[in-house]
Amino acid sequence: MIRVDVQHGLELGEFHYTVDCSEQAEKDLRADLNFGEHSQSQRRLRITKEHGDEQYHSTFSHELIEAINEVYCLRKLNHDHITNLAHGLAQALKSLGIQFTYGE
């Protein structure tokens, strides 16, 4: 399995997105009952690590598609479309031996 460490963020269009898995991010996400969130204004993905590698990979895929929707699709995809695309992307990458991680 190729484990792709995303702790240094990623480039998407002309923007650099940070990936936040800090204790504060974990606390905020837990309070909102979320695994992750995307912030267009802060160019940031916040993702919890507390549910293990599989959930992290799926949640990162979802939040990545949220960011792609903002940058490239002008918010044309609704949340159901994003969720379905994220599940498909996560599964396809996993079948190719690729898994997103944070801080390997």
PDB file of N, CA and C in Angstrom:
ATOM      1  N   MET A   1       0.844  -1.177   0.000  1.00  0.00           N
ATOM      2  CA  MET A   1       0.000   0.000   0.000  1.00  0.00           C
ATOM      3  C   MET A   1       0.892   1.244   0.000  1.00  0.00           C
ATOM      4  N   ILE A   2       0.620   2.159  -0.893  1.00  0.00           N
ATOM      5  CA  ILE A   2       1.306   3.445  -0.929  1.00  0.00           C
ATOM      6  C   ILE A   2       0.515   4.400  -0.037  1.00  0.00           C
ATOM      7  N   ARG A   3       1.155   4.863   1.007  1.00  0.00           N
ATOM      8  CA  ARG A   3       0.495   5.766   1.953  1.00  0.00           C
ATOM      9  C   ARG A   3       0.938   7.189   1.630  1.00  0.00           C
ATOM     10  N   VAL A   4      -0.019   8.021   1.250  1.00  0.00           N
ATOM     11  CA  VAL A   4       0.258   9.397   0.853  1.00  0.00           C
ATOM     12  C   VAL A   4       0.002  10.313   2.051  1.00  0.00           C
ATOM     13  N   ASP A   5       1.074  10.873   2.589  1.00  0.00           N
ATOM     14  CA  ASP A   5       0.998  11.760   3.746  1.00  0.00           C
ATOM     15  C   ASP A   5       0.587  13.154   3.267  1.00  0.00           C
ATOM     16  N   VAL A   6      -0.543  13.649   3.763  1.00  0.00           N
ATOM     17  CA  VAL A   6      -1.079  14.927   3.312  1.00  0.00           C
ATOM     18  C   VAL A   6      -0.898  16.044   4.337  1.00  0.00           C
ATOM     19  N   GLN A   7      -0.045  15.823   5.345  1.00  0.00           N
ATOM     20  CA  GLN A   7       0.084  16.811   6.414  1.00  0.00           C
ATOM     21  C   GLN A   7       0.617  18.166   5.949  1.00  0.00           C
ATOM     22  N   HIS A   8       1.291  18.214   4.813  1.00  0.00           N
ATOM     23  CA  HIS A   8       1.821  19.482   4.316  1.00  0.00           C
ATOM     24  C   HIS A   8       0.864  20.166   3.347  1.00  0.00           C
ATOM     25  N   GLY A   9      -0.328  19.615   3.201  1.00  0.00           N
ATOM     26  CA  GLY A   9      -1.328  20.230   2.343  1.00  0.00           C
ATOM     27  C   GLY A   9      -1.179  19.823   0.891  1.00  0.00           C
ATOM     28  N   LEU A  10      -1.866  20.571   0.041  1.00  0.00           N
ATOM     29  CA  LEU A  10      -1.865  20.250  -1.382  1.00  0.00           C
ATOM     30  C   LEU A  10      -2.185  21.493  -2.189  1.00  0.00           C
ATOM     31  N   GLU A  11      -1.817  21.443  -3.450  1.00  0.00           N
ATOM     32  CA  GLU A  11      -2.114  22.526  -4.373  1.00  0.00           C
ATOM     33  C   GLU A  11      -3.367  22.162  -5.160  1.00  0.00           C
ATOM     34  N   LEU A  12      -4.268  23.117  -5.252  1.00  0.00           N
ATOM     35  CA  LEU A  12      -5.508  22.906  -5.997  1.00  0.00           C
ATOM     36  C   LEU A  12      -5.797  24.194  -6.749  1.00  0.00           C
ATOM     37  N   GLY A  13      -5.668  24.137  -8.079  1.00  0.00           N
ATOM     38  CA  GLY A  13      -5.746  25.359  -8.862  1.00  0.00           C
ATOM     39  C   GLY A  13      -4.596  26.255  -8.456  1.00  0.00           C
ATOM     40  N   GLU A  14      -4.899  27.500  -8.208  1.00  0.00           N
ATOM     41  CA  GLU A  14      -3.855  28.448  -7.799  1.00  0.00           C
ATOM     42  C   GLU A  14      -3.706  28.553  -6.284  1.00  0.00           C
ATOM     43  N   PHE A  15      -4.379  27.677  -5.567  1.00  0.00           N
ATOM     44  CA  PHE A  15      -4.435  27.767  -4.109  1.00  0.00           C
ATOM     45  C   PHE A  15      -3.656  26.647  -3.420  1.00  0.00           C
ATOM     46  N   HIS A  16      -3.123  26.969  -2.256  1.00  0.00           N
ATOM     47  CA  HIS A  16      -2.549  25.952  -1.385  1.00  0.00           C
ATOM     48  C   HIS A  16      -3.553  25.694  -0.265  1.00  0.00           C
ATOM     49  N   TYR A  17      -3.945  24.460  -0.119  1.00  0.00           N
ATOM     50  CA  TYR A  17      -4.848  24.056   0.962  1.00  0.00           C
ATOM     51  C   TYR A  17      -4.036  23.407   2.065  1.00  0.00           C
ATOM     52  N   THR A  18      -4.276  23.822   3.294  1.00  0.00           N
ATOM     53  CA  THR A  18      -3.666  23.166   4.435  1.00  0.00           C
ATOM     54  C   THR A  18      -4.591  22.041   4.903  1.00  0.00           C
ATOM     55  N   VAL A  19      -4.009  21.098   5.612  1.00  0.00           N
ATOM     56  CA  VAL A  19      -4.773  20.005   6.204  1.00  0.00           C
ATOM     57  C   VAL A  19      -4.549  20.081   7.709  1.00  0.00           C
ATOM     58  N   ASP A  20      -5.625  20.268   8.433  1.00  0.00           N
ATOM     59  CA  ASP A  20      -5.555  20.479   9.877  1.00  0.00           C
ATOM     60  C   ASP A  20      -6.135  19.277  10.616  1.00  0.00           C
ATOM     61  N   CYS A  21      -5.291  18.601  11.362  1.00  0.00           N
ATOM     62  CA  CYS A  21      -5.710  17.482  12.208  1.00  0.00           C
ATOM     63  C   CYS A  21      -5.289  17.745  13.652  1.00  0.00           C
ATOM     64  N   SER A  22      -5.222  19.011  14.008  1.00  0.00           N
ATOM     65  CA  SER A  22      -4.780  19.406  15.339  1.00  0.00           C
ATOM     66  C   SER A  22      -5.785  18.968  16.404  1.00  0.00           C
ATOM     67  N   GLU A  23      -5.364  19.063  17.657  1.00  0.00           N
ATOM     68  CA  GLU A  23      -6.266  18.738  18.760  1.00  0.00           C
ATOM     69  C   GLU A  23      -7.495  19.634  18.741  1.00  0.00           C
ATOM     70  N   GLN A  24      -7.298  20.916  18.410  1.00  0.00           N
ATOM     71  CA  GLN A  24      -8.440  21.832  18.344  1.00  0.00           C
ATOM     72  C   GLN A  24      -9.391  21.440  17.217  1.00  0.00           C
ATOM     73  N   ALA A  25      -8.851  21.058  16.082  1.00  0.00           N
ATOM     74  CA  ALA A  25      -9.693  20.603  14.977  1.00  0.00           C
ATOM     75  C   ALA A  25     -10.494  19.372  15.398  1.00  0.00           C
ATOM     76  N   GLU A  26      -9.826  18.420  16.044  1.00  0.00           N
ATOM     77  CA  GLU A  26     -10.509  17.208  16.533  1.00  0.00           C
ATOM     78  C   GLU A  26     -11.654  17.592  17.471  1.00  0.00           C
ATOM     79  N   LYS A  27     -11.383  18.502  18.392  1.00  0.00           N
ATOM     80  CA  LYS A  27     -12.392  18.927  19.369  1.00  0.00           C
ATOM     81  C   LYS A  27     -13.578  19.596  18.671  1.00  0.00           C
ATOM     82  N   ASP A  28     -13.291  20.505  17.736  1.00  0.00           N
ATOM     83  CA  ASP A  28     -14.357  21.209  17.017  1.00  0.00           C
ATOM     84  C   ASP A  28     -15.200  20.252  16.177  1.00  0.00           C
ATOM     85  N   LEU A  29     -14.536  19.331  15.482  1.00  0.00           N
ATOM     86  CA  LEU A  29     -15.257  18.375  14.649  1.00  0.00           C
ATOM     87  C   LEU A  29     -16.114  17.448  15.500  1.00  0.00           C
ATOM     88  N   ARG A  30     -15.576  16.993  16.617  1.00  0.00           N
ATOM     89  CA  ARG A  30     -16.325  16.127  17.526  1.00  0.00           C
ATOM     90  C   ARG A  30     -17.572  16.853  18.033  1.00  0.00           C
ATOM     91  N   ALA A  31     -17.432  18.134  18.390  1.00  0.00           N
ATOM     92  CA  ALA A  31     -18.558  18.923  18.891  1.00  0.00           C
ATOM     93  C   ALA A  31     -19.663  19.073  17.841  1.00  0.00           C
ATOM     94  N   ASP A  32     -19.259  19.124  16.565  1.00  0.00           N
ATOM     95  CA  ASP A  32     -20.226  19.252  15.471  1.00  0.00           C
ATOM     96  C   ASP A  32     -20.665  17.906  14.904  1.00  0.00           C
ATOM     97  N   LEU A  33     -20.161  16.822  15.494  1.00  0.00           N
ATOM     98  CA  LEU A  33     -20.455  15.462  15.018  1.00  0.00           C
ATOM     99  C   LEU A  33     -20.060  15.263  13.562  1.00  0.00           C
ATOM    100  N   ASN A  34     -18.888  15.797  13.194  1.00  0.00           N
ATOM    101  CA  ASN A  34     -18.368  15.671  11.831  1.00  0.00           C
ATOM    102  C   ASN A  34     -17.042  14.919  11.835  1.00  0.00           C
ATOM    103  N   PHE A  35     -16.746  14.266  10.717  1.00  0.00           N
ATOM    104  CA  PHE A  35     -15.436  13.651  10.516  1.00  0.00           C
ATOM    105  C   PHE A  35     -14.478  14.633   9.859  1.00  0.00           C
ATOM    106  N   GLY A  36     -15.032  15.622   9.140  1.00  0.00           N
ATOM    107  CA  GLY A  36     -14.199  16.587   8.444  1.00  0.00           C
ATOM    108  C   GLY A  36     -14.998  17.785   8.006  1.00  0.00           C
ATOM    109  N   GLU A  37     -14.268  18.812   7.566  1.00  0.00           N
ATOM    110  CA  GLU A  37     -14.910  19.999   7.004  1.00  0.00           C
ATOM    111  C   GLU A  37     -13.940  20.700   6.070  1.00  0.00           C
ATOM    112  N   HIS A  38     -14.518  21.418   5.139  1.00  0.00           N
ATOM    113  CA  HIS A  38     -13.758  22.165   4.145  1.00  0.00           C
ATOM    114  C   HIS A  38     -14.062  23.645   4.340  1.00  0.00           C
ATOM    115  N   SER A  39     -13.042  24.468   4.333  1.00  0.00           N
ATOM    116  CA  SER A  39     -13.232  25.912   4.414  1.00  0.00           C
ATOM    117  C   SER A  39     -12.618  26.559   3.186  1.00  0.00           C
ATOM    118  N   GLN A  40     -13.475  27.084   2.322  1.00  0.00           N
ATOM    119  CA  GLN A  40     -13.003  27.767   1.121  1.00  0.00           C
ATOM    120  C   GLN A  40     -12.286  29.055   1.494  1.00  0.00           C
ATOM    121  N   SER A  41     -12.834  29.810   2.440  1.00  0.00           N
ATOM    122  CA  SER A  41     -12.249  31.106   2.798  1.00  0.00           C
ATOM    123  C   SER A  41     -10.870  30.948   3.440  1.00  0.00           C
ATOM    124  N   GLN A  42     -10.656  29.877   4.179  1.00  0.00           N
ATOM    125  CA  GLN A  42      -9.360  29.652   4.827  1.00  0.00           C
ATOM    126  C   GLN A  42      -8.477  28.690   4.046  1.00  0.00           C
ATOM    127  N   ARG A  43      -8.987  28.154   2.940  1.00  0.00           N
ATOM    128  CA  ARG A  43      -8.238  27.181   2.123  1.00  0.00           C
ATOM    129  C   ARG A  43      -7.694  26.072   3.017  1.00  0.00           C
ATOM    130  N   ARG A  44      -8.630  25.431   3.723  1.00  0.00           N
ATOM    131  CA  ARG A  44      -8.241  24.449   4.729  1.00  0.00           C
ATOM    132  C   ARG A  44      -9.211  23.269   4.737  1.00  0.00           C
ATOM    133  N   LEU A  45      -8.638  22.074   4.914  1.00  0.00           N
ATOM    134  CA  LEU A  45      -9.401  20.866   5.171  1.00  0.00           C
ATOM    135  C   LEU A  45      -9.113  20.470   6.611  1.00  0.00           C
ATOM    136  N   ARG A  46     -10.154  20.272   7.404  1.00  0.00           N
ATOM    137  CA  ARG A  46      -9.988  19.798   8.786  1.00  0.00           C
ATOM    138  C   ARG A  46     -10.552  18.388   8.837  1.00  0.00           C
ATOM    139  N   ILE A  47      -9.753  17.470   9.352  1.00  0.00           N
ATOM    140  CA  ILE A  47     -10.145  16.060   9.348  1.00  0.00           C
ATOM    141  C   ILE A  47      -9.747  15.425  10.667  1.00  0.00           C
ATOM    142  N   THR A  48     -10.650  14.627  11.219  1.00  0.00           N
ATOM    143  CA  THR A  48     -10.351  13.919  12.454  1.00  0.00           C
ATOM    144  C   THR A  48      -9.561  12.648  12.145  1.00  0.00           C
ATOM    145  N   LYS A  49      -8.614  12.339  13.012  1.00  0.00           N
ATOM    146  CA  LYS A  49      -7.841  11.100  12.885  1.00  0.00           C
ATOM    147  C   LYS A  49      -8.331  10.040  13.853  1.00  0.00           C
ATOM    148  N   GLU A  50      -9.259  10.393  14.729  1.00  0.00           N
ATOM    149  CA  GLU A  50      -9.627   9.507  15.829  1.00  0.00           C
ATOM    150  C   GLU A  50     -10.421   8.267  15.424  1.00  0.00           C
ATOM    151  N   HIS A  51     -10.841   8.171  14.174  1.00  0.00           N
ATOM    152  CA  HIS A  51     -11.631   7.012  13.744  1.00  0.00           C
ATOM    153  C   HIS A  51     -10.853   6.036  12.883  1.00  0.00           C
ATOM    154  N   GLY A  52      -9.534   6.202  12.810  1.00  0.00           N
ATOM    155  CA  GLY A  52      -8.692   5.241  12.113  1.00  0.00           C
ATOM    156  C   GLY A  52      -8.384   5.599  10.670  1.00  0.00           C
ATOM    157  N   ASP A  53      -7.490   4.794  10.089  1.00  0.00           N
ATOM    158  CA  ASP A  53      -6.978   5.050   8.741  1.00  0.00           C
ATOM    159  C   ASP A  53      -8.040   4.989   7.654  1.00  0.00           C
ATOM    160  N   GLU A  54      -8.937   4.009   7.733  1.00  0.00           N
ATOM    161  CA  GLU A  54      -9.965   3.863   6.696  1.00  0.00           C
ATOM    162  C   GLU A  54     -10.867   5.092   6.639  1.00  0.00           C
ATOM    163  N   GLN A  55     -11.311   5.536   7.820  1.00  0.00           N
ATOM    164  CA  GLN A  55     -12.188   6.705   7.873  1.00  0.00           C
ATOM    165  C   GLN A  55     -11.444   7.958   7.453  1.00  0.00           C
ATOM    166  N   TYR A  56     -10.179   8.068   7.827  1.00  0.00           N
ATOM    167  CA  TYR A  56      -9.388   9.233   7.425  1.00  0.00           C
ATOM    168  C   TYR A  56      -9.301   9.315   5.900  1.00  0.00           C
ATOM    169  N   HIS A  57      -8.995   8.202   5.275  1.00  0.00           N
ATOM    170  CA  HIS A  57      -8.877   8.137   3.814  1.00  0.00           C
ATOM    171  C   HIS A  57     -10.195   8.562   3.153  1.00  0.00           C
ATOM    172  N   SER A  58     -11.301   8.045   3.634  1.00  0.00           N
ATOM    173  CA  SER A  58     -12.613   8.385   3.071  1.00  0.00           C
ATOM    174  C   SER A  58     -12.962   9.846   3.298  1.00  0.00           C
ATOM    175  N   THR A  59     -12.699  10.327   4.507  1.00  0.00           N
ATOM    176  CA  THR A  59     -13.028  11.716   4.828  1.00  0.00           C
ATOM    177  C   THR A  59     -12.152  12.682   4.039  1.00  0.00           C
ATOM    178  N   PHE A  60     -10.867  12.377   3.909  1.00  0.00           N
ATOM    179  CA  PHE A  60      -9.996  13.233   3.106  1.00  0.00           C
ATOM    180  C   PHE A  60     -10.498  13.281   1.663  1.00  0.00           C
ATOM    181  N   SER A  61     -10.878  12.148   1.117  1.00  0.00           N
ATOM    182  CA  SER A  61     -11.410  12.107  -0.252  1.00  0.00           C
ATOM    183  C   SER A  61     -12.635  12.998  -0.375  1.00  0.00           C
ATOM    184  N   HIS A  62     -13.518  12.935   0.617  1.00  0.00           N
ATOM    185  CA  HIS A  62     -14.736  13.751   0.602  1.00  0.00           C
ATOM    186  C   HIS A  62     -14.395  15.241   0.649  1.00  0.00           C
ATOM    187  N   GLU A  63     -13.544  15.632   1.575  1.00  0.00           N
ATOM    188  CA  GLU A  63     -13.212  17.044   1.718  1.00  0.00           C
ATOM    189  C   GLU A  63     -12.429  17.552   0.504  1.00  0.00           C
ATOM    190  N   LEU A  64     -11.635  16.698  -0.109  1.00  0.00           N
ATOM    191  CA  LEU A  64     -10.934  17.061  -1.339  1.00  0.00           C
ATOM    192  C   LEU A  64     -11.936  17.368  -2.446  1.00  0.00           C
ATOM    193  N   ILE A  65     -12.961  16.545  -2.582  1.00  0.00           N
ATOM    194  CA  ILE A  65     -13.985  16.797  -3.609  1.00  0.00           C
ATOM    195  C   ILE A  65     -14.762  18.075  -3.288  1.00  0.00           C
ATOM    196  N   GLU A  66     -14.994  18.351  -2.005  1.00  0.00           N
ATOM    197  CA  GLU A  66     -15.631  19.623  -1.620  1.00  0.00           C
ATOM    198  C   GLU A  66     -14.785  20.790  -2.141  1.00  0.00           C
ATOM    199  N   ALA A  67     -13.469  20.718  -1.953  1.00  0.00           N
ATOM    200  CA  ALA A  67     -12.584  21.784  -2.414  1.00  0.00           C
ATOM    201  C   ALA A  67     -12.570  21.869  -3.941  1.00  0.00           C
ATOM    202  N   ILE A  68     -12.527  20.742  -4.613  1.00  0.00           N
ATOM    203  CA  ILE A  68     -12.564  20.721  -6.082  1.00  0.00           C
ATOM    204  C   ILE A  68     -13.856  21.345  -6.579  1.00  0.00           C
ATOM    205  N   ASN A  69     -14.965  21.050  -5.910  1.00  0.00           N
ATOM    206  CA  ASN A  69     -16.257  21.635  -6.277  1.00  0.00           C
ATOM    207  C   ASN A  69     -16.203  23.163  -6.200  1.00  0.00           C
ATOM    208  N   GLU A  70     -15.553  23.702  -5.182  1.00  0.00           N
ATOM    209  CA  GLU A  70     -15.421  25.153  -5.031  1.00  0.00           C
ATOM    210  C   GLU A  70     -14.509  25.751  -6.102  1.00  0.00           C
ATOM    211  N   VAL A  71     -13.352  25.124  -6.315  1.00  0.00           N
ATOM    212  CA  VAL A  71     -12.339  25.704  -7.194  1.00  0.00           C
ATOM    213  C   VAL A  71     -12.692  25.533  -8.669  1.00  0.00           C
ATOM    214  N   TYR A  72     -13.174  24.349  -9.053  1.00  0.00           N
ATOM    215  CA  TYR A  72     -13.360  24.042 -10.464  1.00  0.00           C
ATOM    216  C   TYR A  72     -14.808  23.938 -10.934  1.00  0.00           C
ATOM    217  N   CYS A  73     -15.741  23.689 -10.040  1.00  0.00           N
ATOM    218  CA  CYS A  73     -17.124  23.430 -10.459  1.00  0.00           C
ATOM    219  C   CYS A  73     -18.093  24.545 -10.080  1.00  0.00           C
ATOM    220  N   LEU A  74     -17.596  25.620  -9.524  1.00  0.00           N
ATOM    221  CA  LEU A  74     -18.437  26.757  -9.133  1.00  0.00           C
ATOM    222  C   LEU A  74     -19.611  26.337  -8.261  1.00  0.00           C
ATOM    223  N   ARG A  75     -19.351  25.374  -7.372  1.00  0.00           N
ATOM    224  CA  ARG A  75     -20.340  24.862  -6.414  1.00  0.00           C
ATOM    225  C   ARG A  75     -21.566  24.230  -7.078  1.00  0.00           C
ATOM    226  N   LYS A  76     -21.382  23.666  -8.259  1.00  0.00           N
ATOM    227  CA  LYS A  76     -22.507  23.063  -8.978  1.00  0.00           C
ATOM    228  C   LYS A  76     -22.894  21.687  -8.447  1.00  0.00           C
ATOM    229  N   LEU A  77     -21.966  21.010  -7.755  1.00  0.00           N
ATOM    230  CA  LEU A  77     -22.274  19.686  -7.216  1.00  0.00           C
ATOM    231  C   LEU A  77     -22.971  19.830  -5.870  1.00  0.00           C
ATOM    232  N   ASN A  78     -24.056  19.076  -5.681  1.00  0.00           N
ATOM    233  CA  ASN A  78     -24.700  19.107  -4.373  1.00  0.00           C
ATOM    234  C   ASN A  78     -24.002  18.098  -3.452  1.00  0.00           C
ATOM    235  N   HIS A  79     -24.365  18.123  -2.192  1.00  0.00           N
ATOM    236  CA  HIS A  79     -23.653  17.300  -1.211  1.00  0.00           C
ATOM    237  C   HIS A  79     -23.801  15.806  -1.493  1.00  0.00           C
ATOM    238  N   ASP A  80     -24.955  15.362  -1.974  1.00  0.00           N
ATOM    239  CA  ASP A  80     -25.119  13.941  -2.328  1.00  0.00           C
ATOM    240  C   ASP A  80     -24.157  13.539  -3.437  1.00  0.00           C
ATOM    241  N   HIS A  81     -24.004  14.404  -4.455  1.00  0.00           N
ATOM    242  CA  HIS A  81     -23.057  14.104  -5.534  1.00  0.00           C
ATOM    243  C   HIS A  81     -21.633  14.024  -4.998  1.00  0.00           C
ATOM    244  N   ILE A  82     -21.287  14.960  -4.136  1.00  0.00           N
ATOM    245  CA  ILE A  82     -19.947  14.977  -3.553  1.00  0.00           C
ATOM    246  C   ILE A  82     -19.696  13.705  -2.748  1.00  0.00           C
ATOM    247  N   THR A  83     -20.672  13.321  -1.946  1.00  0.00           N
ATOM    248  CA  THR A  83     -20.540  12.108  -1.133  1.00  0.00           C
ATOM    249  C   THR A  83     -20.350  10.882  -2.005  1.00  0.00           C
ATOM    250  N   ASN A  84     -21.145  10.756  -3.051  1.00  0.00           N
ATOM    251  CA  ASN A  84     -21.035   9.602  -3.953  1.00  0.00           C
ATOM    252  C   ASN A  84     -19.697   9.584  -4.683  1.00  0.00           C
ATOM    253  N   LEU A  85     -19.267  10.737  -5.176  1.00  0.00           N
ATOM    254  CA  LEU A  85     -17.964  10.810  -5.844  1.00  0.00           C
ATOM    255  C   LEU A  85     -16.830  10.471  -4.875  1.00  0.00           C
ATOM    256  N   ALA A  86     -16.936  10.949  -3.651  1.00  0.00           N
ATOM    257  CA  ALA A  86     -15.891  10.686  -2.663  1.00  0.00           C
ATOM    258  C   ALA A  86     -15.787   9.204  -2.332  1.00  0.00           C
ATOM    259  N   HIS A  87     -16.929   8.537  -2.180  1.00  0.00           N
ATOM    260  CA  HIS A  87     -16.894   7.093  -1.922  1.00  0.00           C
ATOM    261  C   HIS A  87     -16.240   6.357  -3.083  1.00  0.00           C
ATOM    262  N   GLY A  88     -16.604   6.745  -4.300  1.00  0.00           N
ATOM    263  CA  GLY A  88     -16.009   6.111  -5.476  1.00  0.00           C
ATOM    264  C   GLY A  88     -14.524   6.371  -5.586  1.00  0.00           C
ATOM    265  N   LEU A  89     -14.109   7.617  -5.349  1.00  0.00           N
ATOM    266  CA  LEU A  89     -12.689   7.959  -5.409  1.00  0.00           C
ATOM    267  C   LEU A  89     -11.897   7.199  -4.350  1.00  0.00           C
ATOM    268  N   ALA A  90     -12.402   7.194  -3.127  1.00  0.00           N
ATOM    269  CA  ALA A  90     -11.701   6.500  -2.035  1.00  0.00           C
ATOM    270  C   ALA A  90     -11.546   5.011  -2.355  1.00  0.00           C
ATOM    271  N   GLN A  91     -12.599   4.407  -2.876  1.00  0.00           N
ATOM    272  CA  GLN A  91     -12.560   2.977  -3.196  1.00  0.00           C
ATOM    273  C   GLN A  91     -11.596   2.706  -4.355  1.00  0.00           C
ATOM    274  N   ALA A  92     -11.653   3.537  -5.396  1.00  0.00           N
ATOM    275  CA  ALA A  92     -10.774   3.333  -6.552  1.00  0.00           C
ATOM    276  C   ALA A  92      -9.304   3.482  -6.156  1.00  0.00           C
ATOM    277  N   LEU A  93      -8.998   4.527  -5.391  1.00  0.00           N
ATOM    278  CA  LEU A  93      -7.614   4.716  -4.955  1.00  0.00           C
ATOM    279  C   LEU A  93      -7.146   3.565  -4.086  1.00  0.00           C
ATOM    280  N   LYS A  94      -8.003   3.121  -3.184  1.00  0.00           N
ATOM    281  CA  LYS A  94      -7.644   2.003  -2.303  1.00  0.00           C
ATOM    282  C   LYS A  94      -7.374   0.743  -3.126  1.00  0.00           C
ATOM    283  N   SER A  95      -8.175   0.509  -4.168  1.00  0.00           N
ATOM    284  CA  SER A  95      -7.969  -0.679  -5.005  1.00  0.00           C
ATOM    285  C   SER A  95      -6.662  -0.590  -5.797  1.00  0.00           C
ATOM    286  N   LEU A  96      -6.174   0.630  -6.006  1.00  0.00           N
ATOM    287  CA  LEU A  96      -4.887   0.837  -6.674  1.00  0.00           C
ATOM    288  C   LEU A  96      -3.719   0.821  -5.692  1.00  0.00           C
ATOM    289  N   GLY A  97      -4.029   0.637  -4.426  1.00  0.00           N
ATOM    290  CA  GLY A  97      -2.980   0.564  -3.409  1.00  0.00           C
ATOM    291  C   GLY A  97      -2.557   1.916  -2.879  1.00  0.00           C
ATOM    292  N   ILE A  98      -3.453   2.911  -2.946  1.00  0.00           N
ATOM    293  CA  ILE A  98      -3.140   4.266  -2.489  1.00  0.00           C
ATOM    294  C   ILE A  98      -4.068   4.624  -1.339  1.00  0.00           C
ATOM    295  N   GLN A  99      -3.479   5.112  -0.244  1.00  0.00           N
ATOM    296  CA  GLN A  99      -4.275   5.517   0.908  1.00  0.00           C
ATOM    297  C   GLN A  99      -3.755   6.842   1.456  1.00  0.00           C
ATOM    298  N   PHE A 100      -4.673   7.788   1.688  1.00  0.00           N
ATOM    299  CA  PHE A 100      -4.308   9.067   2.279  1.00  0.00           C
ATOM    300  C   PHE A 100      -4.089   8.901   3.771  1.00  0.00           C
ATOM    301  N   THR A 101      -3.030   9.524   4.283  1.00  0.00           N
ATOM    302  CA  THR A 101      -2.723   9.478   5.717  1.00  0.00           C
ATOM    303  C   THR A 101      -2.255  10.864   6.150  1.00  0.00           C
ATOM    304  N   TYR A 102      -2.080  11.017   7.441  1.00  0.00           N
ATOM    305  CA  TYR A 102      -1.586  12.282   7.995  1.00  0.00           C
ATOM    306  C   TYR A 102      -0.469  11.979   8.985  1.00  0.00           C
ATOM    307  N   GLY A 103       0.709  12.512   8.695  1.00  0.00           N
ATOM    308  CA  GLY A 103       1.820  12.381   9.629  1.00  0.00           C
ATOM    309  C   GLY A 103       2.391  10.979   9.776  1.00  0.00           C
ATOM    310  N   GLU A 104       2.672  10.353   8.666  1.00  0.00           N
ATOM    311  CA  GLU A 104       3.254   8.992   8.694  1.00  0.00           C
ATOM    312  C   GLU A 104       4.622   8.988   9.305  1.00  0.00           C
TER     313      GLU A 104
END
